[in-house]
């Protein structure tokens, strides 16, 4: 999980607005 978060951090830093589209998709998918 920590490695996934490290990668997510790179994506967020580079363009947080874009990262939120897939980030929220993952959040909704995780609930399902």
ModelCIF file with pLDDT and N, C-alpha, C, O atoms, coordinates in Angstrom:
data_MODEL
#
_entry.id   MODEL 
#
_entity.id                         1 
_entity.type                       polymer 
_entity.pdbx_number_of_molecules   1 
#
_entity_poly.entity_id                      1 
_entity_poly.type                           'polypeptide(L)' 
_entity_poly.nstd_linkage                   no 
_entity_poly.nstd_monomer                   no 
_entity_poly.pdbx_seq_one_letter_code       
;(UNK)(UNK)(UNK)(UNK)(UNK)(UNK)(UNK)(UNK)(UNK)(UNK)(UNK)(UNK)(UNK)(UNK)(UNK)(UNK)
(UNK)(UNK)(UNK)(UNK)(UNK)(UNK)(UNK)(UNK)(UNK)(UNK)(UNK)(UNK)(UNK)(UNK)(UNK)(UNK)
;
_entity_poly.pdbx_seq_one_letter_code_can   XXXXXXXXXXXXXXXXXXXXXXXXXXXXXXXX 
_entity_poly.pdbx_strand_id                 A 
#
loop_
_entity_poly_seq.entity_id 
_entity_poly_seq.num 
_entity_poly_seq.mon_id 
_entity_poly_seq.hetero 
1 1  UNK n 
1 2  UNK n 
1 3  UNK n 
1 4  UNK n 
1 5  UNK n 
1 6  UNK n 
1 7  UNK n 
1 8  UNK n 
1 9  UNK n 
1 10 UNK n 
1 11 UNK n 
1 12 UNK n 
1 13 UNK n 
1 14 UNK n 
1 15 UNK n 
1 16 UNK n 
1 17 UNK n 
1 18 UNK n 
1 19 UNK n 
1 20 UNK n 
1 21 UNK n 
1 22 UNK n 
1 23 UNK n 
1 24 UNK n 
1 25 UNK n 
1 26 UNK n 
1 27 UNK n 
1 28 UNK n 
1 29 UNK n 
1 30 UNK n 
1 31 UNK n 
1 32 UNK n 
#
_struct_asym.id          A 
_struct_asym.entity_id   1 
#
loop_
_ma_qa_metric.id 
_ma_qa_metric.mode 
_ma_qa_metric.name 
_ma_qa_metric.software_group_id 
_ma_qa_metric.type 
1 global pLDDT . pLDDT 
2 local  pLDDT . pLDDT 
#
_ma_qa_metric_global.metric_id      1 
_ma_qa_metric_global.metric_value   96.88 
_ma_qa_metric_global.model_id       1 
_ma_qa_metric_global.ordinal_id     1 
#
loop_
_ma_qa_metric_local.label_asym_id 
_ma_qa_metric_local.label_comp_id 
_ma_qa_metric_local.label_seq_id 
_ma_qa_metric_local.metric_id 
_ma_qa_metric_local.metric_value 
_ma_qa_metric_local.model_id 
_ma_qa_metric_local.ordinal_id 
A UNK 1  2 95.00 1 1  
A UNK 2  2 96.00 1 2  
A UNK 3  2 96.00 1 3  
A UNK 4  2 97.00 1 4  
A UNK 5  2 97.00 1 5  
A UNK 6  2 98.00 1 6  
A UNK 7  2 98.00 1 7  
A UNK 8  2 98.00 1 8  
A UNK 9  2 98.00 1 9  
A UNK 10 2 98.00 1 10 
A UNK 11 2 98.00 1 11 
A UNK 12 2 98.00 1 12 
A UNK 13 2 98.00 1 13 
A UNK 14 2 98.00 1 14 
A UNK 15 2 98.00 1 15 
A UNK 16 2 98.00 1 16 
A UNK 17 2 98.00 1 17 
A UNK 18 2 98.00 1 18 
A UNK 19 2 98.00 1 19 
A UNK 20 2 97.00 1 20 
A UNK 21 2 98.00 1 21 
A UNK 22 2 97.00 1 22 
A UNK 23 2 96.00 1 23 
A UNK 24 2 95.00 1 24 
A UNK 25 2 96.00 1 25 
A UNK 26 2 96.00 1 26 
A UNK 27 2 94.00 1 27 
A UNK 28 2 95.00 1 28 
A UNK 29 2 96.00 1 29 
A UNK 30 2 95.00 1 30 
A UNK 31 2 95.00 1 31 
A UNK 32 2 97.00 1 32 
#
loop_
_atom_site.group_PDB 
_atom_site.id 
_atom_site.type_symbol 
_atom_site.label_atom_id 
_atom_site.label_alt_id 
_atom_site.label_comp_id 
_atom_site.label_asym_id 
_atom_site.label_entity_id 
_atom_site.label_seq_id 
_atom_site.pdbx_PDB_ins_code 
_atom_site.Cartn_x 
_atom_site.Cartn_y 
_atom_site.Cartn_z 
_atom_site.occupancy 
_atom_site.B_iso_or_equiv 
_atom_site.pdbx_formal_charge 
_atom_site.auth_seq_id 
_atom_site.auth_comp_id 
_atom_site.auth_asym_id 
_atom_site.auth_atom_id 
_atom_site.pdbx_PDB_model_num 
ATOM 1   N N  . UNK A 1 1  ? 0.822   -1.207 0.000   1.00 95.00 ? 1  UNK A N  1 
ATOM 2   C CA . UNK A 1 1  ? 0.000   0.000  0.000   1.00 95.00 ? 1  UNK A CA 1 
ATOM 3   C C  . UNK A 1 1  ? 0.861   1.265  0.000   1.00 95.00 ? 1  UNK A C  1 
ATOM 4   O O  . UNK A 1 1  ? 0.532   2.242  -0.672  1.00 95.00 ? 1  UNK A O  1 
ATOM 5   N N  . UNK A 1 2  ? 1.949   1.244  0.744   1.00 96.00 ? 2  UNK A N  1 
ATOM 6   C CA . UNK A 1 2  ? 2.808   2.429  0.816   1.00 96.00 ? 2  UNK A CA 1 
ATOM 7   C C  . UNK A 1 2  ? 3.409   2.759  -0.541  1.00 96.00 ? 2  UNK A C  1 
ATOM 8   O O  . UNK A 1 2  ? 3.588   3.932  -0.868  1.00 96.00 ? 2  UNK A O  1 
ATOM 9   N N  . UNK A 1 3  ? 3.725   1.730  -1.346  1.00 96.00 ? 3  UNK A N  1 
ATOM 10  C CA . UNK A 1 3  ? 4.279   2.010  -2.666  1.00 96.00 ? 3  UNK A CA 1 
ATOM 11  C C  . UNK A 1 3  ? 3.216   2.609  -3.579  1.00 96.00 ? 3  UNK A C  1 
ATOM 12  O O  . UNK A 1 3  ? 3.498   3.522  -4.355  1.00 96.00 ? 3  UNK A O  1 
ATOM 13  N N  . UNK A 1 4  ? 1.985   2.089  -3.482  1.00 97.00 ? 4  UNK A N  1 
ATOM 14  C CA . UNK A 1 4  ? 0.903   2.666  -4.262  1.00 97.00 ? 4  UNK A CA 1 
ATOM 15  C C  . UNK A 1 4  ? 0.714   4.136  -3.898  1.00 97.00 ? 4  UNK A C  1 
ATOM 16  O O  . UNK A 1 4  ? 0.521   4.976  -4.776  1.00 97.00 ? 4  UNK A O  1 
ATOM 17  N N  . UNK A 1 5  ? 0.769   4.445  -2.603  1.00 97.00 ? 5  UNK A N  1 
ATOM 18  C CA . UNK A 1 5  ? 0.605   5.824  -2.151  1.00 97.00 ? 5  UNK A CA 1 
ATOM 19  C C  . UNK A 1 5  ? 1.756   6.702  -2.646  1.00 97.00 ? 5  UNK A C  1 
ATOM 20  O O  . UNK A 1 5  ? 1.538   7.862  -2.995  1.00 97.00 ? 5  UNK A O  1 
ATOM 21  N N  . UNK A 1 6  ? 2.968   6.165  -2.681  1.00 98.00 ? 6  UNK A N  1 
ATOM 22  C CA . UNK A 1 6  ? 4.110   6.922  -3.203  1.00 98.00 ? 6  UNK A CA 1 
ATOM 23  C C  . UNK A 1 6  ? 3.882   7.289  -4.667  1.00 98.00 ? 6  UNK A C  1 
ATOM 24  O O  . UNK A 1 6  ? 4.188   8.404  -5.089  1.00 98.00 ? 6  UNK A O  1 
ATOM 25  N N  . UNK A 1 7  ? 3.343   6.348  -5.437  1.00 98.00 ? 7  UNK A N  1 
ATOM 26  C CA . UNK A 1 7  ? 3.039   6.628  -6.847  1.00 98.00 ? 7  UNK A CA 1 
ATOM 27  C C  . UNK A 1 7  ? 1.908   7.643  -6.961  1.00 98.00 ? 7  UNK A C  1 
ATOM 28  O O  . UNK A 1 7  ? 1.960   8.557  -7.785  1.00 98.00 ? 7  UNK A O  1 
ATOM 29  N N  . UNK A 1 8  ? 0.890   7.473  -6.129  1.00 98.00 ? 8  UNK A N  1 
ATOM 30  C CA . UNK A 1 8  ? -0.229  8.419  -6.139  1.00 98.00 ? 8  UNK A CA 1 
ATOM 31  C C  . UNK A 1 8  ? 0.257   9.828  -5.845  1.00 98.00 ? 8  UNK A C  1 
ATOM 32  O O  . UNK A 1 8  ? -0.222  10.792 -6.441  1.00 98.00 ? 8  UNK A O  1 
ATOM 33  N N  . UNK A 1 9  ? 1.207   9.949  -4.928  1.00 98.00 ? 9  UNK A N  1 
ATOM 34  C CA . UNK A 1 9  ? 1.772   11.256 -4.594  1.00 98.00 ? 9  UNK A CA 1 
ATOM 35  C C  . UNK A 1 9  ? 2.415   11.911 -5.817  1.00 98.00 ? 9  UNK A C  1 
ATOM 36  O O  . UNK A 1 9  ? 2.243   13.108 -6.045  1.00 98.00 ? 9  UNK A O  1 
ATOM 37  N N  . UNK A 1 10 ? 3.149   11.130 -6.596  1.00 98.00 ? 10 UNK A N  1 
ATOM 38  C CA . UNK A 1 10 ? 3.764   11.686 -7.812  1.00 98.00 ? 10 UNK A CA 1 
ATOM 39  C C  . UNK A 1 10 ? 2.694   12.221 -8.760  1.00 98.00 ? 10 UNK A C  1 
ATOM 40  O O  . UNK A 1 10 ? 2.837   13.308 -9.321  1.00 98.00 ? 10 UNK A O  1 
ATOM 41  N N  . UNK A 1 11 ? 1.616   11.444 -8.933  1.00 98.00 ? 11 UNK A N  1 
ATOM 42  C CA . UNK A 1 11 ? 0.543   11.854 -9.836  1.00 98.00 ? 11 UNK A CA 1 
ATOM 43  C C  . UNK A 1 11 ? -0.148  13.115 -9.338  1.00 98.00 ? 11 UNK A C  1 
ATOM 44  O O  . UNK A 1 11 ? -0.424  14.027 -10.117 1.00 98.00 ? 11 UNK A O  1 
ATOM 45  N N  . UNK A 1 12 ? -0.425  13.165 -8.043  1.00 98.00 ? 12 UNK A N  1 
ATOM 46  C CA . UNK A 1 12 ? -1.089  14.330 -7.464  1.00 98.00 ? 12 UNK A CA 1 
ATOM 47  C C  . UNK A 1 12 ? -0.230  15.577 -7.592  1.00 98.00 ? 12 UNK A C  1 
ATOM 48  O O  . UNK A 1 12 ? -0.723  16.640 -7.969  1.00 98.00 ? 12 UNK A O  1 
ATOM 49  N N  . UNK A 1 13 ? 1.050   15.449 -7.282  1.00 98.00 ? 13 UNK A N  1 
ATOM 50  C CA . UNK A 1 13 ? 1.938   16.604 -7.362  1.00 98.00 ? 13 UNK A CA 1 
ATOM 51  C C  . UNK A 1 13 ? 2.012   17.170 -8.762  1.00 98.00 ? 13 UNK A C  1 
ATOM 52  O O  . UNK A 1 13 ? 2.086   18.385 -8.942  1.00 98.00 ? 13 UNK A O  1 
ATOM 53  N N  . UNK A 1 14 ? 1.993   16.293 -9.757  1.00 98.00 ? 14 UNK A N  1 
ATOM 54  C CA . UNK A 1 14 ? 2.158   16.732 -11.149 1.00 98.00 ? 14 UNK A CA 1 
ATOM 55  C C  . UNK A 1 14 ? 0.930   17.435 -11.686 1.00 98.00 ? 14 UNK A C  1 
ATOM 56  O O  . UNK A 1 14 ? 1.052   18.375 -12.472 1.00 98.00 ? 14 UNK A O  1 
ATOM 57  N N  . UNK A 1 15 ? -0.265  16.995 -11.273 1.00 98.00 ? 15 UNK A N  1 
ATOM 58  C CA . UNK A 1 15 ? -1.505  17.674 -11.679 1.00 98.00 ? 15 UNK A CA 1 
ATOM 59  C C  . UNK A 1 15 ? -2.638  17.170 -10.791 1.00 98.00 ? 15 UNK A C  1 
ATOM 60  O O  . UNK A 1 15 ? -3.274  16.159 -11.089 1.00 98.00 ? 15 UNK A O  1 
ATOM 61  N N  . UNK A 1 16 ? -2.878  17.882 -9.710  1.00 98.00 ? 16 UNK A N  1 
ATOM 62  C CA . UNK A 1 16 ? -3.863  17.427 -8.733  1.00 98.00 ? 16 UNK A CA 1 
ATOM 63  C C  . UNK A 1 16 ? -5.261  17.385 -9.330  1.00 98.00 ? 16 UNK A C  1 
ATOM 64  O O  . UNK A 1 16 ? -6.047  16.498 -8.998  1.00 98.00 ? 16 UNK A O  1 
ATOM 65  N N  . UNK A 1 17 ? -5.586  18.348 -10.222 1.00 98.00 ? 17 UNK A N  1 
ATOM 66  C CA . UNK A 1 17 ? -6.925  18.385 -10.806 1.00 98.00 ? 17 UNK A CA 1 
ATOM 67  C C  . UNK A 1 17 ? -7.200  17.117 -11.607 1.00 98.00 ? 17 UNK A C  1 
ATOM 68  O O  . UNK A 1 17 ? -8.281  16.537 -11.500 1.00 98.00 ? 17 UNK A O  1 
ATOM 69  N N  . UNK A 1 18 ? -6.227  16.683 -12.409 1.00 98.00 ? 18 UNK A N  1 
ATOM 70  C CA . UNK A 1 18 ? -6.407  15.443 -13.181 1.00 98.00 ? 18 UNK A CA 1 
ATOM 71  C C  . UNK A 1 18 ? -6.475  14.239 -12.252 1.00 98.00 ? 18 UNK A C  1 
ATOM 72  O O  . UNK A 1 18 ? -7.312  13.357 -12.446 1.00 98.00 ? 18 UNK A O  1 
ATOM 73  N N  . UNK A 1 19 ? -5.613  14.189 -11.252 1.00 98.00 ? 19 UNK A N  1 
ATOM 74  C CA . UNK A 1 19 ? -5.535  13.007 -10.386 1.00 98.00 ? 19 UNK A CA 1 
ATOM 75  C C  . UNK A 1 19 ? -6.839  12.734 -9.659  1.00 98.00 ? 19 UNK A C  1 
ATOM 76  O O  . UNK A 1 19 ? -7.109  11.593 -9.284  1.00 98.00 ? 19 UNK A O  1 
ATOM 77  N N  . UNK A 1 20 ? -7.647  13.755 -9.455  1.00 97.00 ? 20 UNK A N  1 
ATOM 78  C CA . UNK A 1 20 ? -8.889  13.585 -8.718  1.00 97.00 ? 20 UNK A CA 1 
ATOM 79  C C  . UNK A 1 20 ? -9.924  12.785 -9.502  1.00 97.00 ? 20 UNK A C  1 
ATOM 80  O O  . UNK A 1 20 ? -10.785 12.142 -8.902  1.00 97.00 ? 20 UNK A O  1 
ATOM 81  N N  . UNK A 1 21 ? -9.856  12.812 -10.828 1.00 98.00 ? 21 UNK A N  1 
ATOM 82  C CA . UNK A 1 21 ? -10.824 12.041 -11.624 1.00 98.00 ? 21 UNK A CA 1 
ATOM 83  C C  . UNK A 1 21 ? -10.658 10.548 -11.345 1.00 98.00 ? 21 UNK A C  1 
ATOM 84  O O  . UNK A 1 21 ? -11.632 9.856  -11.049 1.00 98.00 ? 21 UNK A O  1 
ATOM 85  N N  . UNK A 1 22 ? -9.435  10.059 -11.441 1.00 97.00 ? 22 UNK A N  1 
ATOM 86  C CA . UNK A 1 22 ? -9.251  8.629  -11.186 1.00 97.00 ? 22 UNK A CA 1 
ATOM 87  C C  . UNK A 1 22 ? -9.255  8.327  -9.693  1.00 97.00 ? 22 UNK A C  1 
ATOM 88  O O  . UNK A 1 22 ? -9.647  7.234  -9.284  1.00 97.00 ? 22 UNK A O  1 
ATOM 89  N N  . UNK A 1 23 ? -8.818  9.294  -8.869  1.00 96.00 ? 23 UNK A N  1 
ATOM 90  C CA . UNK A 1 23 ? -8.791  9.080  -7.427  1.00 96.00 ? 23 UNK A CA 1 
ATOM 91  C C  . UNK A 1 23 ? -10.184 8.862  -6.851  1.00 96.00 ? 23 UNK A C  1 
ATOM 92  O O  . UNK A 1 23 ? -10.382 7.980  -6.014  1.00 96.00 ? 23 UNK A O  1 
ATOM 93  N N  . UNK A 1 24 ? -11.146 9.659  -7.295  1.00 95.00 ? 24 UNK A N  1 
ATOM 94  C CA . UNK A 1 24 ? -12.513 9.492  -6.823  1.00 95.00 ? 24 UNK A CA 1 
ATOM 95  C C  . UNK A 1 24 ? -13.142 8.229  -7.398  1.00 95.00 ? 24 UNK A C  1 
ATOM 96  O O  . UNK A 1 24 ? -13.976 7.595  -6.751  1.00 95.00 ? 24 UNK A O  1 
ATOM 97  N N  . UNK A 1 25 ? -12.743 7.866  -8.614  1.00 96.00 ? 25 UNK A N  1 
ATOM 98  C CA . UNK A 1 25 ? -13.221 6.601  -9.189  1.00 96.00 ? 25 UNK A CA 1 
ATOM 99  C C  . UNK A 1 25 ? -12.754 5.425  -8.335  1.00 96.00 ? 25 UNK A C  1 
ATOM 100 O O  . UNK A 1 25 ? -13.520 4.501  -8.061  1.00 96.00 ? 25 UNK A O  1 
ATOM 101 N N  . UNK A 1 26 ? -11.488 5.473  -7.917  1.00 96.00 ? 26 UNK A N  1 
ATOM 102 C CA . UNK A 1 26 ? -10.981 4.402  -7.057  1.00 96.00 ? 26 UNK A CA 1 
ATOM 103 C C  . UNK A 1 26 ? -11.719 4.374  -5.728  1.00 96.00 ? 26 UNK A C  1 
ATOM 104 O O  . UNK A 1 26 ? -12.036 3.302  -5.213  1.00 96.00 ? 26 UNK A O  1 
ATOM 105 N N  . UNK A 1 27 ? -11.993 5.553  -5.170  1.00 94.00 ? 27 UNK A N  1 
ATOM 106 C CA . UNK A 1 27 ? -12.704 5.602  -3.898  1.00 94.00 ? 27 UNK A CA 1 
ATOM 107 C C  . UNK A 1 27 ? -14.087 4.982  -3.998  1.00 94.00 ? 27 UNK A C  1 
ATOM 108 O O  . UNK A 1 27 ? -14.476 4.190  -3.140  1.00 94.00 ? 27 UNK A O  1 
ATOM 109 N N  . UNK A 1 28 ? -14.841 5.338  -5.050  1.00 95.00 ? 28 UNK A N  1 
ATOM 110 C CA . UNK A 1 28 ? -16.174 4.775  -5.241  1.00 95.00 ? 28 UNK A CA 1 
ATOM 111 C C  . UNK A 1 28 ? -16.095 3.271  -5.488  1.00 95.00 ? 28 UNK A C  1 
ATOM 112 O O  . UNK A 1 28 ? -16.904 2.504  -4.965  1.00 95.00 ? 28 UNK A O  1 
ATOM 113 N N  . UNK A 1 29 ? -15.120 2.860  -6.284  1.00 96.00 ? 29 UNK A N  1 
ATOM 114 C CA . UNK A 1 29 ? -14.956 1.445  -6.590  1.00 96.00 ? 29 UNK A CA 1 
ATOM 115 C C  . UNK A 1 29 ? -14.598 0.645  -5.338  1.00 96.00 ? 29 UNK A C  1 
ATOM 116 O O  . UNK A 1 29 ? -15.037 -0.494 -5.182  1.00 96.00 ? 29 UNK A O  1 
ATOM 117 N N  . UNK A 1 30 ? -13.814 1.229  -4.462  1.00 95.00 ? 30 UNK A N  1 
ATOM 118 C CA . UNK A 1 30 ? -13.421 0.537  -3.234  1.00 95.00 ? 30 UNK A CA 1 
ATOM 119 C C  . UNK A 1 30 ? -14.622 0.271  -2.335  1.00 95.00 ? 30 UNK A C  1 
ATOM 120 O O  . UNK A 1 30 ? -14.694 -0.769 -1.681  1.00 95.00 ? 30 UNK A O  1 
ATOM 121 N N  . UNK A 1 31 ? -15.571 1.215  -2.301  1.00 95.00 ? 31 UNK A N  1 
ATOM 122 C CA . UNK A 1 31 ? -16.785 0.999  -1.518  1.00 95.00 ? 31 UNK A CA 1 
ATOM 123 C C  . UNK A 1 31 ? -17.576 -0.170 -2.095  1.00 95.00 ? 31 UNK A C  1 
ATOM 124 O O  . UNK A 1 31 ? -18.069 -1.023 -1.356  1.00 95.00 ? 31 UNK A O  1 
ATOM 125 N N  . UNK A 1 32 ? -17.694 -0.202 -3.420  1.00 97.00 ? 32 UNK A N  1 
ATOM 126 C CA . UNK A 1 32 ? -18.425 -1.299 -4.072  1.00 97.00 ? 32 UNK A CA 1 
ATOM 127 C C  . UNK A 1 32 ? -17.739 -2.628 -3.794  1.00 97.00 ? 32 UNK A C  1 
ATOM 128 O O  . UNK A 1 32 ? -18.202 -3.671 -4.255  1.00 97.00 ? 32 UNK A O  1 
#
